[in-house]
């Protein structure tokens, strides 16, 4: 088993996001009891950090993003009750979650806060990053949809988060649109320009979540996200048990017990009726570079307006839709239906 603290290996931190990003795949309906059971298994596997919240972060339970089966407070307090070594983490998107939501998270036992914005909007994270630092939380700035801009813009925005006090900056390939050279280009320039560590969050729409995560580690990322069985929006995330095995074979130390993380992954087989896969639509999300959480909303819009969901996705990609604009899908679909748009052609 890996996780034995082998000397001479570069350390890669694993942040588990099964109980946050994985919420997308179950329509945010994990029960508190299910979360507690999974979190307990993750702690047994020696996963250092476990992120918990609605799929769209604290405060996400709403008509726009889907109502969760329980409140943030209930989820966080339930999971915190079974953690003694693993750190409880949350994600917050300014504009969806608020400082008041962060207060609830702190009172529930949260130790790590990740503040996420679109890659060009880091300036809206200042209040939340500053608050988290004042509360003594490890605070990670997260830039989403990082495939949509070049390295110079990413550096500019990451430096803002660093200036606000972030302990680390994470790049999210939110649409699963990157190939390994895209990851390398962005991580290398950040490593050269920042004085704080860099992390990477992959999605699997193009089947590259593990490969992209490994490339990120090879060129300087020190923290990677994963989910059990790859549970997540669209085609899912980097499959955590696979990621741990691959990193071990590549000469990295994660501290995660491979056998026990495999056991934890098996829990999902009896809880989640359908695990993510790379179907044609989620593949197209990656190809078009559209945020993975748009998938269910796109299907609903396609059914409502009798459109091919692929056409909607390509159009959203053309319009450079960003996270938080899920309600815009209806407007786009209505415009397309009114124009009787022909089927998309990606050739």
C-alpha atoms as a PDB file:
ATOM      1  CA  UNK A   1       0.000   0.000   0.000  1.00  0.00           C
ATOM      2  CA  UNK A   2       1.109   3.549  -0.664  1.00  0.00           C
ATOM      3  CA  UNK A   3       0.857   6.172   2.042  1.00  0.00           C
ATOM      4  CA  UNK A   4       3.719   4.915   4.153  1.00  0.00           C
ATOM      5  CA  UNK A   5       5.791   8.075   4.053  1.00  0.00           C
ATOM      6  CA  UNK A   6       8.496   6.918   1.646  1.00  0.00           C
ATOM      7  CA  UNK A   7      11.633   9.015   1.907  1.00  0.00           C
ATOM      8  CA  UNK A   8      12.795  11.091  -1.026  1.00  0.00           C
ATOM      9  CA  UNK A   9       9.423  11.454  -2.700  1.00  0.00           C
ATOM     10  CA  UNK A  10       7.920  14.809  -3.571  1.00  0.00           C
ATOM     11  CA  UNK A  11       4.781  15.408  -1.551  1.00  0.00           C
ATOM     12  CA  UNK A  12       1.472  16.008  -3.343  1.00  0.00           C
ATOM     13  CA  UNK A  13      -1.501  17.011  -1.249  1.00  0.00           C
ATOM     14  CA  UNK A  14      -4.833  15.492  -2.201  1.00  0.00           C
ATOM     15  CA  UNK A  15      -7.986  17.512  -1.593  1.00  0.00           C
ATOM     16  CA  UNK A  16     -11.063  15.304  -1.832  1.00  0.00           C
ATOM     17  CA  UNK A  17     -14.079  17.019  -3.414  1.00  0.00           C
ATOM     18  CA  UNK A  18     -16.464  14.043  -3.549  1.00  0.00           C
ATOM     19  CA  UNK A  19     -18.797  15.717  -1.068  1.00  0.00           C
ATOM     20  CA  UNK A  20     -18.821  19.002  -2.985  1.00  0.00           C
ATOM     21  CA  UNK A  21     -18.220  18.551  -6.715  1.00  0.00           C
ATOM     22  CA  UNK A  22     -19.733  15.083  -6.459  1.00  0.00           C
ATOM     23  CA  UNK A  23     -22.981  16.709  -5.366  1.00  0.00           C
ATOM     24  CA  UNK A  24     -23.573  17.757  -8.990  1.00  0.00           C
ATOM     25  CA  UNK A  25     -23.770  14.105 -10.039  1.00  0.00           C
ATOM     26  CA  UNK A  26     -26.465  13.301  -7.459  1.00  0.00           C
ATOM     27  CA  UNK A  27     -28.421  16.541  -7.985  1.00  0.00           C
ATOM     28  CA  UNK A  28     -27.150  17.731  -4.587  1.00  0.00           C
ATOM     29  CA  UNK A  29     -29.105  14.987  -2.798  1.00  0.00           C
ATOM     30  CA  UNK A  30     -26.470  13.308  -0.648  1.00  0.00           C
ATOM     31  CA  UNK A  31     -28.020  12.859   2.775  1.00  0.00           C
ATOM     32  CA  UNK A  32     -26.142  13.890   5.896  1.00  0.00           C
ATOM     33  CA  UNK A  33     -25.830  10.207   6.807  1.00  0.00           C
ATOM     34  CA  UNK A  34     -24.281   9.370   3.434  1.00  0.00           C
ATOM     35  CA  UNK A  35     -21.839  12.253   3.706  1.00  0.00           C
ATOM     36  CA  UNK A  36     -20.828  11.176   7.196  1.00  0.00           C
ATOM     37  CA  UNK A  37     -20.239   7.594   6.047  1.00  0.00           C
ATOM     38  CA  UNK A  38     -18.122   8.668   3.064  1.00  0.00           C
ATOM     39  CA  UNK A  39     -16.171  11.238   5.098  1.00  0.00           C
ATOM     40  CA  UNK A  40     -15.369   8.612   7.715  1.00  0.00           C
ATOM     41  CA  UNK A  41     -13.982   6.325   5.016  1.00  0.00           C
ATOM     42  CA  UNK A  42     -11.909   9.174   3.584  1.00  0.00           C
ATOM     43  CA  UNK A  43     -10.405   9.889   6.997  1.00  0.00           C
ATOM     44  CA  UNK A  44      -9.612   6.189   7.408  1.00  0.00           C
ATOM     45  CA  UNK A  45      -7.785   6.428   4.081  1.00  0.00           C
ATOM     46  CA  UNK A  46      -5.711   9.322   5.472  1.00  0.00           C
ATOM     47  CA  UNK A  47      -7.005  11.942   3.064  1.00  0.00           C
ATOM     48  CA  UNK A  48      -5.719  15.220   4.456  1.00  0.00           C
ATOM     49  CA  UNK A  49      -8.492  17.578   3.314  1.00  0.00           C
ATOM     50  CA  UNK A  50     -12.184  16.889   2.643  1.00  0.00           C
ATOM     51  CA  UNK A  51     -14.352  19.534   0.981  1.00  0.00           C
ATOM     52  CA  UNK A  52     -18.066  19.661   1.834  1.00  0.00           C
ATOM     53  CA  UNK A  53     -20.856  21.859   0.483  1.00  0.00           C
ATOM     54  CA  UNK A  54     -23.466  22.203  -2.220  1.00  0.00           C
ATOM     55  CA  UNK A  55     -21.983  21.540  -5.666  1.00  0.00           C
ATOM     56  CA  UNK A  56     -21.950  25.279  -6.341  1.00  0.00           C
ATOM     57  CA  UNK A  57     -20.440  26.030  -2.954  1.00  0.00           C
ATOM     58  CA  UNK A  58     -21.790  27.464   0.276  1.00  0.00           C
ATOM     59  CA  UNK A  59     -25.183  29.058  -0.216  1.00  0.00           C
ATOM     60  CA  UNK A  60     -25.721  27.200  -3.482  1.00  0.00           C
ATOM     61  CA  UNK A  61     -28.882  25.407  -2.406  1.00  0.00           C
ATOM     62  CA  UNK A  62     -31.476  27.393  -4.354  1.00  0.00           C
ATOM     63  CA  UNK A  63     -33.949  27.270  -7.205  1.00  0.00           C
ATOM     64  CA  UNK A  64     -31.182  28.391  -9.591  1.00  0.00           C
ATOM     65  CA  UNK A  65     -28.650  25.702  -8.703  1.00  0.00           C
ATOM     66  CA  UNK A  66     -30.835  22.993  -7.199  1.00  0.00           C
ATOM     67  CA  UNK A  67     -31.947  22.463  -3.638  1.00  0.00           C
ATOM     68  CA  UNK A  68     -29.768  20.186  -1.516  1.00  0.00           C
ATOM     69  CA  UNK A  69     -31.144  17.455   0.735  1.00  0.00           C
ATOM     70  CA  UNK A  70     -29.887  19.312   3.841  1.00  0.00           C
ATOM     71  CA  UNK A  71     -28.466  22.684   4.842  1.00  0.00           C
ATOM     72  CA  UNK A  72     -24.783  23.604   4.702  1.00  0.00           C
ATOM     73  CA  UNK A  73     -24.777  23.687   8.497  1.00  0.00           C
ATOM     74  CA  UNK A  74     -26.214  20.168   8.776  1.00  0.00           C
ATOM     75  CA  UNK A  75     -23.737  18.747   6.274  1.00  0.00           C
ATOM     76  CA  UNK A  76     -20.731  20.446   7.845  1.00  0.00           C
ATOM     77  CA  UNK A  77     -21.594  19.592  11.438  1.00  0.00           C
ATOM     78  CA  UNK A  78     -22.308  15.991  10.479  1.00  0.00           C
ATOM     79  CA  UNK A  79     -19.005  15.526   8.679  1.00  0.00           C
ATOM     80  CA  UNK A  80     -17.036  17.423  11.336  1.00  0.00           C
ATOM     81  CA  UNK A  81     -18.322  14.985  13.950  1.00  0.00           C
ATOM     82  CA  UNK A  82     -16.371  12.100  12.376  1.00  0.00           C
ATOM     83  CA  UNK A  83     -13.150  13.947  11.525  1.00  0.00           C
ATOM     84  CA  UNK A  84     -10.265  13.977  13.960  1.00  0.00           C
ATOM     85  CA  UNK A  85      -7.281  14.247  11.611  1.00  0.00           C
ATOM     86  CA  UNK A  86      -8.618  15.223   8.195  1.00  0.00           C
ATOM     87  CA  UNK A  87      -9.292  18.931   7.662  1.00  0.00           C
ATOM     88  CA  UNK A  88     -12.831  20.046   6.828  1.00  0.00           C
ATOM     89  CA  UNK A  89     -12.915  22.376   3.818  1.00  0.00           C
ATOM     90  CA  UNK A  90     -15.558  24.427   2.018  1.00  0.00           C
ATOM     91  CA  UNK A  91     -15.857  26.147  -1.351  1.00  0.00           C
ATOM     92  CA  UNK A  92     -17.490  29.545  -1.767  1.00  0.00           C
ATOM     93  CA  UNK A  93     -18.263  31.507  -4.927  1.00  0.00           C
ATOM     94  CA  UNK A  94     -18.751  35.220  -4.147  1.00  0.00           C
ATOM     95  CA  UNK A  95     -22.192  36.174  -5.361  1.00  0.00           C
ATOM     96  CA  UNK A  96     -23.586  32.758  -4.449  1.00  0.00           C
ATOM     97  CA  UNK A  97     -22.184  32.406  -0.949  1.00  0.00           C
ATOM     98  CA  UNK A  98     -21.625  35.223   1.543  1.00  0.00           C
ATOM     99  CA  UNK A  99     -19.499  36.026   4.563  1.00  0.00           C
ATOM    100  CA  UNK A 100     -22.468  34.918   6.672  1.00  0.00           C
ATOM    101  CA  UNK A 101     -22.185  31.473   5.092  1.00  0.00           C
ATOM    102  CA  UNK A 102     -18.497  31.448   5.973  1.00  0.00           C
ATOM    103  CA  UNK A 103     -19.357  32.244   9.593  1.00  0.00           C
ATOM    104  CA  UNK A 104     -21.613  29.182   9.686  1.00  0.00           C
ATOM    105  CA  UNK A 105     -18.810  27.101   8.215  1.00  0.00           C
ATOM    106  CA  UNK A 106     -16.258  28.328  10.756  1.00  0.00           C
ATOM    107  CA  UNK A 107     -18.623  27.599  13.644  1.00  0.00           C
ATOM    108  CA  UNK A 108     -19.168  24.098  12.271  1.00  0.00           C
ATOM    109  CA  UNK A 109     -15.459  23.314  12.381  1.00  0.00           C
ATOM    110  CA  UNK A 110     -14.158  24.276   8.947  1.00  0.00           C
ATOM    111  CA  UNK A 111     -10.372  24.638   8.712  1.00  0.00           C
ATOM    112  CA  UNK A 112      -9.877  25.334   4.990  1.00  0.00           C
ATOM    113  CA  UNK A 113     -11.790  27.744   2.753  1.00  0.00           C
ATOM    114  CA  UNK A 114     -11.502  27.895  -1.011  1.00  0.00           C
ATOM    115  CA  UNK A 115     -12.759  31.129  -2.560  1.00  0.00           C
ATOM    116  CA  UNK A 116     -13.522  30.664  -6.250  1.00  0.00           C
ATOM    117  CA  UNK A 117     -14.129  33.182  -9.016  1.00  0.00           C
ATOM    118  CA  UNK A 118     -14.170  33.175 -12.785  1.00  0.00           C
ATOM    119  CA  UNK A 119     -10.610  33.511 -14.034  1.00  0.00           C
ATOM    120  CA  UNK A 120     -11.070  37.200 -14.905  1.00  0.00           C
ATOM    121  CA  UNK A 121     -12.899  38.214 -11.709  1.00  0.00           C
ATOM    122  CA  UNK A 122     -10.421  37.644  -8.877  1.00  0.00           C
ATOM    123  CA  UNK A 123     -11.091  41.148  -7.552  1.00  0.00           C
ATOM    124  CA  UNK A 124     -14.459  40.041  -6.130  1.00  0.00           C
ATOM    125  CA  UNK A 125     -12.693  37.564  -3.828  1.00  0.00           C
ATOM    126  CA  UNK A 126     -10.925  40.118  -1.651  1.00  0.00           C
ATOM    127  CA  UNK A 127     -13.549  40.491   1.085  1.00  0.00           C
ATOM    128  CA  UNK A 128     -13.943  36.736   1.467  1.00  0.00           C
ATOM    129  CA  UNK A 129     -10.230  35.937   1.429  1.00  0.00           C
ATOM    130  CA  UNK A 130      -9.506  38.637   3.987  1.00  0.00           C
ATOM    131  CA  UNK A 131     -12.318  37.385   6.235  1.00  0.00           C
ATOM    132  CA  UNK A 132     -11.112  33.796   6.041  1.00  0.00           C
ATOM    133  CA  UNK A 133      -7.586  34.814   6.980  1.00  0.00           C
ATOM    134  CA  UNK A 134      -8.912  36.838   9.910  1.00  0.00           C
ATOM    135  CA  UNK A 135     -10.752  33.734  11.084  1.00  0.00           C
ATOM    136  CA  UNK A 136      -7.530  31.710  11.003  1.00  0.00           C
ATOM    137  CA  UNK A 137      -8.549  29.521   8.080  1.00  0.00           C
ATOM    138  CA  UNK A 138      -6.158  28.179   5.517  1.00  0.00           C
ATOM    139  CA  UNK A 139      -7.387  30.162   2.525  1.00  0.00           C
ATOM    140  CA  UNK A 140      -7.052  29.058  -1.078  1.00  0.00           C
ATOM    141  CA  UNK A 141      -7.894  31.294  -4.025  1.00  0.00           C
ATOM    142  CA  UNK A 142      -9.446  29.416  -6.925  1.00  0.00           C
ATOM    143  CA  UNK A 143      -9.582  30.571 -10.536  1.00  0.00           C
ATOM    144  CA  UNK A 144     -12.256  28.791 -12.582  1.00  0.00           C
ATOM    145  CA  UNK A 145     -12.489  28.241 -16.346  1.00  0.00           C
ATOM    146  CA  UNK A 146      -8.765  28.803 -16.738  1.00  0.00           C
ATOM    147  CA  UNK A 147      -8.777  27.421 -20.277  1.00  0.00           C
ATOM    148  CA  UNK A 148     -10.518  30.581 -21.492  1.00  0.00           C
ATOM    149  CA  UNK A 149      -7.579  32.980 -21.062  1.00  0.00           C
ATOM    150  CA  UNK A 150      -3.831  32.945 -21.583  1.00  0.00           C
ATOM    151  CA  UNK A 151      -1.062  32.676 -18.959  1.00  0.00           C
ATOM    152  CA  UNK A 152      -0.547  36.440 -18.626  1.00  0.00           C
ATOM    153  CA  UNK A 153      -4.141  37.033 -17.556  1.00  0.00           C
ATOM    154  CA  UNK A 154      -3.985  34.087 -15.153  1.00  0.00           C
ATOM    155  CA  UNK A 155      -0.847  35.496 -13.529  1.00  0.00           C
ATOM    156  CA  UNK A 156      -2.496  38.905 -13.186  1.00  0.00           C
ATOM    157  CA  UNK A 157      -5.538  37.436 -11.462  1.00  0.00           C
ATOM    158  CA  UNK A 158      -3.594  34.986  -9.303  1.00  0.00           C
ATOM    159  CA  UNK A 159      -1.409  37.824  -8.042  1.00  0.00           C
ATOM    160  CA  UNK A 160      -4.544  39.635  -6.898  1.00  0.00           C
ATOM    161  CA  UNK A 161      -5.536  36.637  -4.786  1.00  0.00           C
ATOM    162  CA  UNK A 162      -1.998  36.394  -3.454  1.00  0.00           C
ATOM    163  CA  UNK A 163      -2.102  40.093  -2.504  1.00  0.00           C
ATOM    164  CA  UNK A 164      -5.357  39.552  -0.592  1.00  0.00           C
ATOM    165  CA  UNK A 165      -3.613  36.938   1.563  1.00  0.00           C
ATOM    166  CA  UNK A 166      -4.373  33.622  -0.152  1.00  0.00           C
ATOM    167  CA  UNK A 167      -2.121  30.798   1.023  1.00  0.00           C
ATOM    168  CA  UNK A 168      -2.371  29.011  -2.318  1.00  0.00           C
ATOM    169  CA  UNK A 169      -3.855  29.567  -5.768  1.00  0.00           C
ATOM    170  CA  UNK A 170      -5.727  26.790  -7.554  1.00  0.00           C
ATOM    171  CA  UNK A 171      -6.394  26.518 -11.270  1.00  0.00           C
ATOM    172  CA  UNK A 172      -9.638  24.787 -12.219  1.00  0.00           C
ATOM    173  CA  UNK A 173     -10.138  23.204 -15.618  1.00  0.00           C
ATOM    174  CA  UNK A 174     -13.847  23.655 -14.963  1.00  0.00           C
ATOM    175  CA  UNK A 175     -15.024  22.479 -18.372  1.00  0.00           C
ATOM    176  CA  UNK A 176     -12.502  19.683 -18.783  1.00  0.00           C
ATOM    177  CA  UNK A 177     -11.269  21.528 -21.865  1.00  0.00           C
ATOM    178  CA  UNK A 178      -7.495  21.400 -21.378  1.00  0.00           C
ATOM    179  CA  UNK A 179      -4.921  19.078 -22.835  1.00  0.00           C
ATOM    180  CA  UNK A 180      -1.615  18.480 -20.992  1.00  0.00           C
ATOM    181  CA  UNK A 181       0.330  21.213 -22.767  1.00  0.00           C
ATOM    182  CA  UNK A 182      -2.336  23.753 -21.701  1.00  0.00           C
ATOM    183  CA  UNK A 183      -1.892  22.683 -18.094  1.00  0.00           C
ATOM    184  CA  UNK A 184       1.887  22.852 -18.289  1.00  0.00           C
ATOM    185  CA  UNK A 185       1.853  26.325 -19.856  1.00  0.00           C
ATOM    186  CA  UNK A 186      -0.299  27.746 -17.066  1.00  0.00           C
ATOM    187  CA  UNK A 187       1.299  26.003 -14.097  1.00  0.00           C
ATOM    188  CA  UNK A 188       4.860  26.819 -15.165  1.00  0.00           C
ATOM    189  CA  UNK A 189       4.222  30.542 -15.526  1.00  0.00           C
ATOM    190  CA  UNK A 190       2.438  30.699 -12.157  1.00  0.00           C
ATOM    191  CA  UNK A 191       5.259  28.831 -10.450  1.00  0.00           C
ATOM    192  CA  UNK A 192       7.693  31.390 -11.824  1.00  0.00           C
ATOM    193  CA  UNK A 193       5.598  34.424 -10.883  1.00  0.00           C
ATOM    194  CA  UNK A 194       4.014  33.567  -7.506  1.00  0.00           C
ATOM    195  CA  UNK A 195       5.549  33.073  -4.079  1.00  0.00           C
ATOM    196  CA  UNK A 196       2.719  30.790  -2.878  1.00  0.00           C
ATOM    197  CA  UNK A 197       1.960  27.171  -3.864  1.00  0.00           C
ATOM    198  CA  UNK A 198      -0.183  26.145  -6.825  1.00  0.00           C
ATOM    199  CA  UNK A 199      -2.936  23.532  -7.068  1.00  0.00           C
ATOM    200  CA  UNK A 200      -4.903  22.020  -9.940  1.00  0.00           C
ATOM    201  CA  UNK A 201      -8.480  20.731 -10.289  1.00  0.00           C
ATOM    202  CA  UNK A 202      -9.273  18.581 -13.331  1.00  0.00           C
ATOM    203  CA  UNK A 203     -12.462  17.521 -15.086  1.00  0.00           C
ATOM    204  CA  UNK A 204     -12.635  14.474 -17.320  1.00  0.00           C
ATOM    205  CA  UNK A 205     -14.682  15.604 -20.317  1.00  0.00           C
ATOM    206  CA  UNK A 206     -11.846  14.809 -22.717  1.00  0.00           C
ATOM    207  CA  UNK A 207     -10.654  11.766 -20.753  1.00  0.00           C
ATOM    208  CA  UNK A 208      -7.585  13.663 -19.518  1.00  0.00           C
ATOM    209  CA  UNK A 209      -8.278  14.326 -15.826  1.00  0.00           C
ATOM    210  CA  UNK A 210      -5.596  11.930 -14.583  1.00  0.00           C
ATOM    211  CA  UNK A 211      -3.105  12.838 -17.305  1.00  0.00           C
ATOM    212  CA  UNK A 212      -3.602  16.555 -16.773  1.00  0.00           C
ATOM    213  CA  UNK A 213      -3.269  16.162 -12.996  1.00  0.00           C
ATOM    214  CA  UNK A 214      -0.031  14.233 -13.405  1.00  0.00           C
ATOM    215  CA  UNK A 215       1.334  16.870 -15.768  1.00  0.00           C
ATOM    216  CA  UNK A 216       0.406  19.564 -13.239  1.00  0.00           C
ATOM    217  CA  UNK A 217       2.373  17.726 -10.556  1.00  0.00           C
ATOM    218  CA  UNK A 218       5.330  17.194 -12.855  1.00  0.00           C
ATOM    219  CA  UNK A 219       5.652  20.917 -13.605  1.00  0.00           C
ATOM    220  CA  UNK A 220       5.138  22.306 -10.106  1.00  0.00           C
ATOM    221  CA  UNK A 221       1.639  21.900  -8.661  1.00  0.00           C
ATOM    222  CA  UNK A 222       1.770  20.667  -5.069  1.00  0.00           C
ATOM    223  CA  UNK A 223      -1.955  20.059  -4.513  1.00  0.00           C
ATOM    224  CA  UNK A 224      -4.447  18.130  -6.649  1.00  0.00           C
ATOM    225  CA  UNK A 225      -8.181  17.516  -6.392  1.00  0.00           C
ATOM    226  CA  UNK A 226      -9.871  14.169  -6.819  1.00  0.00           C
ATOM    227  CA  UNK A 227     -13.195  12.485  -6.190  1.00  0.00           C
ATOM    228  CA  UNK A 228     -14.079   8.894  -5.419  1.00  0.00           C
ATOM    229  CA  UNK A 229     -15.022   7.088  -8.645  1.00  0.00           C
ATOM    230  CA  UNK A 230     -14.489  10.446 -10.373  1.00  0.00           C
ATOM    231  CA  UNK A 231     -17.866  11.673  -9.097  1.00  0.00           C
ATOM    232  CA  UNK A 232     -18.508  15.232 -10.294  1.00  0.00           C
ATOM    233  CA  UNK A 233     -20.208  17.501 -12.785  1.00  0.00           C
ATOM    234  CA  UNK A 234     -20.381  16.456 -16.414  1.00  0.00           C
ATOM    235  CA  UNK A 235     -17.950  13.601 -17.074  1.00  0.00           C
ATOM    236  CA  UNK A 236     -16.640  13.893 -13.526  1.00  0.00           C
ATOM    237  CA  UNK A 237     -13.309  14.717 -11.940  1.00  0.00           C
ATOM    238  CA  UNK A 238      -9.940  13.026 -11.578  1.00  0.00           C
ATOM    239  CA  UNK A 239     -10.809   9.612 -10.112  1.00  0.00           C
ATOM    240  CA  UNK A 240      -9.178   9.824  -6.704  1.00  0.00           C
ATOM    241  CA  UNK A 241      -8.265   6.191  -6.122  1.00  0.00           C
ATOM    242  CA  UNK A 242      -6.706   6.095  -9.592  1.00  0.00           C
ATOM    243  CA  UNK A 243      -4.931   9.398  -8.995  1.00  0.00           C
ATOM    244  CA  UNK A 244      -3.378   8.093  -5.777  1.00  0.00           C
ATOM    245  CA  UNK A 245      -2.123   4.953  -7.538  1.00  0.00           C
ATOM    246  CA  UNK A 246      -0.778   6.879 -10.536  1.00  0.00           C
ATOM    247  CA  UNK A 247       1.031   9.422  -8.360  1.00  0.00           C
ATOM    248  CA  UNK A 248       2.626   6.628  -6.356  1.00  0.00           C
ATOM    249  CA  UNK A 249       3.856   4.931  -9.529  1.00  0.00           C
ATOM    250  CA  UNK A 250       5.180   8.281 -10.751  1.00  0.00           C
ATOM    251  CA  UNK A 251       7.253   8.725  -7.608  1.00  0.00           C
ATOM    252  CA  UNK A 252       5.063  11.058  -5.558  1.00  0.00           C
ATOM    253  CA  UNK A 253       3.984  10.719  -1.934  1.00  0.00           C
ATOM    254  CA  UNK A 254       0.355  11.563  -1.121  1.00  0.00           C
ATOM    255  CA  UNK A 255       0.043  10.083   2.345  1.00  0.00           C
ATOM    256  CA  UNK A 256      -3.173   8.377   1.212  1.00  0.00           C
ATOM    257  CA  UNK A 257      -3.609   4.655   1.870  1.00  0.00           C
ATOM    258  CA  UNK A 258      -4.330   3.091  -1.529  1.00  0.00           C
ATOM    259  CA  UNK A 259      -6.285   0.083  -0.246  1.00  0.00           C
ATOM    260  CA  UNK A 260      -8.460   2.207   1.996  1.00  0.00           C
ATOM    261  CA  UNK A 261      -9.172   4.826  -0.653  1.00  0.00           C
ATOM    262  CA  UNK A 262     -10.242   1.971  -2.919  1.00  0.00           C
ATOM    263  CA  UNK A 263     -12.539   0.745  -0.134  1.00  0.00           C
ATOM    264  CA  UNK A 264     -13.956   4.245   0.247  1.00  0.00           C
ATOM    265  CA  UNK A 265     -14.658   4.376  -3.486  1.00  0.00           C
ATOM    266  CA  UNK A 266     -16.644   1.140  -3.253  1.00  0.00           C
ATOM    267  CA  UNK A 267     -19.089   2.858  -0.911  1.00  0.00           C
ATOM    268  CA  UNK A 268     -20.317   4.954  -3.823  1.00  0.00           C
ATOM    269  CA  UNK A 269     -21.279   1.876  -5.821  1.00  0.00           C
ATOM    270  CA  UNK A 270     -24.212   1.278  -3.466  1.00  0.00           C
ATOM    271  CA  UNK A 271     -25.079   4.957  -2.959  1.00  0.00           C
ATOM    272  CA  UNK A 272     -24.865   6.552  -6.411  1.00  0.00           C
ATOM    273  CA  UNK A 273     -27.184   5.020  -9.030  1.00  0.00           C
ATOM    274  CA  UNK A 274     -25.189   6.253 -12.030  1.00  0.00           C
ATOM    275  CA  UNK A 275     -21.559   7.297 -12.005  1.00  0.00           C
ATOM    276  CA  UNK A 276     -20.253   9.935 -14.421  1.00  0.00           C
ATOM    277  CA  UNK A 277     -19.074   8.816 -17.828  1.00  0.00           C
ATOM    278  CA  UNK A 278     -17.817  10.483 -20.969  1.00  0.00           C
ATOM    279  CA  UNK A 279     -21.005  10.454 -22.988  1.00  0.00           C
ATOM    280  CA  UNK A 280     -21.357  12.480 -26.175  1.00  0.00           C
ATOM    281  CA  UNK A 281     -22.785  15.533 -24.454  1.00  0.00           C
ATOM    282  CA  UNK A 282     -20.161  15.772 -21.703  1.00  0.00           C
ATOM    283  CA  UNK A 283     -17.485  15.198 -24.353  1.00  0.00           C
ATOM    284  CA  UNK A 284     -18.907  18.160 -26.214  1.00  0.00           C
ATOM    285  CA  UNK A 285     -18.765  20.257 -23.034  1.00  0.00           C
ATOM    286  CA  UNK A 286     -15.016  19.712 -22.976  1.00  0.00           C
ATOM    287  CA  UNK A 287     -14.665  20.264 -26.691  1.00  0.00           C
ATOM    288  CA  UNK A 288     -16.646  23.513 -26.561  1.00  0.00           C
ATOM    289  CA  UNK A 289     -15.107  24.631 -23.270  1.00  0.00           C
ATOM    290  CA  UNK A 290     -18.399  25.020 -21.406  1.00  0.00           C
ATOM    291  CA  UNK A 291     -18.708  24.771 -17.623  1.00  0.00           C
ATOM    292  CA  UNK A 292     -19.538  21.195 -16.615  1.00  0.00           C
ATOM    293  CA  UNK A 293     -22.380  22.106 -14.256  1.00  0.00           C
ATOM    294  CA  UNK A 294     -24.296  23.423 -17.287  1.00  0.00           C
ATOM    295  CA  UNK A 295     -25.058  19.874 -18.421  1.00  0.00           C
ATOM    296  CA  UNK A 296     -28.317  19.185 -16.579  1.00  0.00           C
ATOM    297  CA  UNK A 297     -29.576  22.709 -17.279  1.00  0.00           C
ATOM    298  CA  UNK A 298     -28.781  22.230 -20.969  1.00  0.00           C
ATOM    299  CA  UNK A 299     -30.778  18.995 -21.142  1.00  0.00           C
ATOM    300  CA  UNK A 300     -33.751  20.711 -19.548  1.00  0.00           C
ATOM    301  CA  UNK A 301     -33.534  23.649 -21.954  1.00  0.00           C
ATOM    302  CA  UNK A 302     -33.181  21.324 -24.936  1.00  0.00           C
ATOM    303  CA  UNK A 303     -36.291  19.416 -23.914  1.00  0.00           C
ATOM    304  CA  UNK A 304     -38.250  22.598 -23.260  1.00  0.00           C
ATOM    305  CA  UNK A 305     -37.416  24.176 -26.627  1.00  0.00           C
ATOM    306  CA  UNK A 306     -37.060  20.927 -28.602  1.00  0.00           C
ATOM    307  CA  UNK A 307     -33.428  21.561 -29.503  1.00  0.00           C
ATOM    308  CA  UNK A 308     -30.393  19.328 -29.799  1.00  0.00           C
ATOM    309  CA  UNK A 309     -28.430  19.865 -26.559  1.00  0.00           C
ATOM    310  CA  UNK A 310     -25.203  19.748 -28.583  1.00  0.00           C
ATOM    311  CA  UNK A 311     -26.284  22.873 -30.447  1.00  0.00           C
ATOM    312  CA  UNK A 312     -26.875  24.679 -27.154  1.00  0.00           C
ATOM    313  CA  UNK A 313     -23.478  23.666 -25.795  1.00  0.00           C
ATOM    314  CA  UNK A 314     -21.612  24.802 -28.903  1.00  0.00           C
ATOM    315  CA  UNK A 315     -23.461  28.125 -28.798  1.00  0.00           C
ATOM    316  CA  UNK A 316     -22.657  28.611 -25.097  1.00  0.00           C
ATOM    317  CA  UNK A 317     -19.018  27.943 -25.881  1.00  0.00           C
ATOM    318  CA  UNK A 318     -19.122  30.457 -28.724  1.00  0.00           C
ATOM    319  CA  UNK A 319     -20.586  33.053 -26.344  1.00  0.00           C
ATOM    320  CA  UNK A 320     -17.962  32.207 -23.694  1.00  0.00           C
ATOM    321  CA  UNK A 321     -20.472  31.403 -20.960  1.00  0.00           C
ATOM    322  CA  UNK A 322     -18.982  31.339 -17.465  1.00  0.00           C
ATOM    323  CA  UNK A 323     -19.873  29.638 -14.195  1.00  0.00           C
ATOM    324  CA  UNK A 324     -22.838  31.223 -12.467  1.00  0.00           C
ATOM    325  CA  UNK A 325     -24.695  31.855 -15.728  1.00  0.00           C
ATOM    326  CA  UNK A 326     -26.760  28.665 -15.706  1.00  0.00           C
ATOM    327  CA  UNK A 327     -29.987  30.685 -15.838  1.00  0.00           C
ATOM    328  CA  UNK A 328     -28.717  32.222 -19.109  1.00  0.00           C
ATOM    329  CA  UNK A 329     -29.048  28.827 -20.816  1.00  0.00           C
ATOM    330  CA  UNK A 330     -32.823  29.236 -21.044  1.00  0.00           C
ATOM    331  CA  UNK A 331     -32.420  32.634 -22.706  1.00  0.00           C
ATOM    332  CA  UNK A 332     -29.880  31.268 -25.188  1.00  0.00           C
ATOM    333  CA  UNK A 333     -32.072  28.262 -25.981  1.00  0.00           C
ATOM    334  CA  UNK A 334     -35.116  30.478 -26.478  1.00  0.00           C
ATOM    335  CA  UNK A 335     -33.199  32.665 -28.937  1.00  0.00           C
ATOM    336  CA  UNK A 336     -32.002  29.583 -30.805  1.00  0.00           C
ATOM    337  CA  UNK A 337     -35.502  28.136 -30.975  1.00  0.00           C
ATOM    338  CA  UNK A 338     -36.896  31.421 -32.257  1.00  0.00           C
ATOM    339  CA  UNK A 339     -34.323  31.451 -35.035  1.00  0.00           C
ATOM    340  CA  UNK A 340     -34.904  27.721 -35.698  1.00  0.00           C
ATOM    341  CA  UNK A 341     -31.164  27.162 -35.519  1.00  0.00           C
ATOM    342  CA  UNK A 342     -29.885  24.246 -37.610  1.00  0.00           C
ATOM    343  CA  UNK A 343     -27.961  21.468 -35.975  1.00  0.00           C
ATOM    344  CA  UNK A 344     -24.430  22.368 -34.984  1.00  0.00           C
ATOM    345  CA  UNK A 345     -21.526  21.223 -37.063  1.00  0.00           C
ATOM    346  CA  UNK A 346     -18.199  20.874 -35.223  1.00  0.00           C
ATOM    347  CA  UNK A 347     -16.299  19.532 -38.195  1.00  0.00           C
END
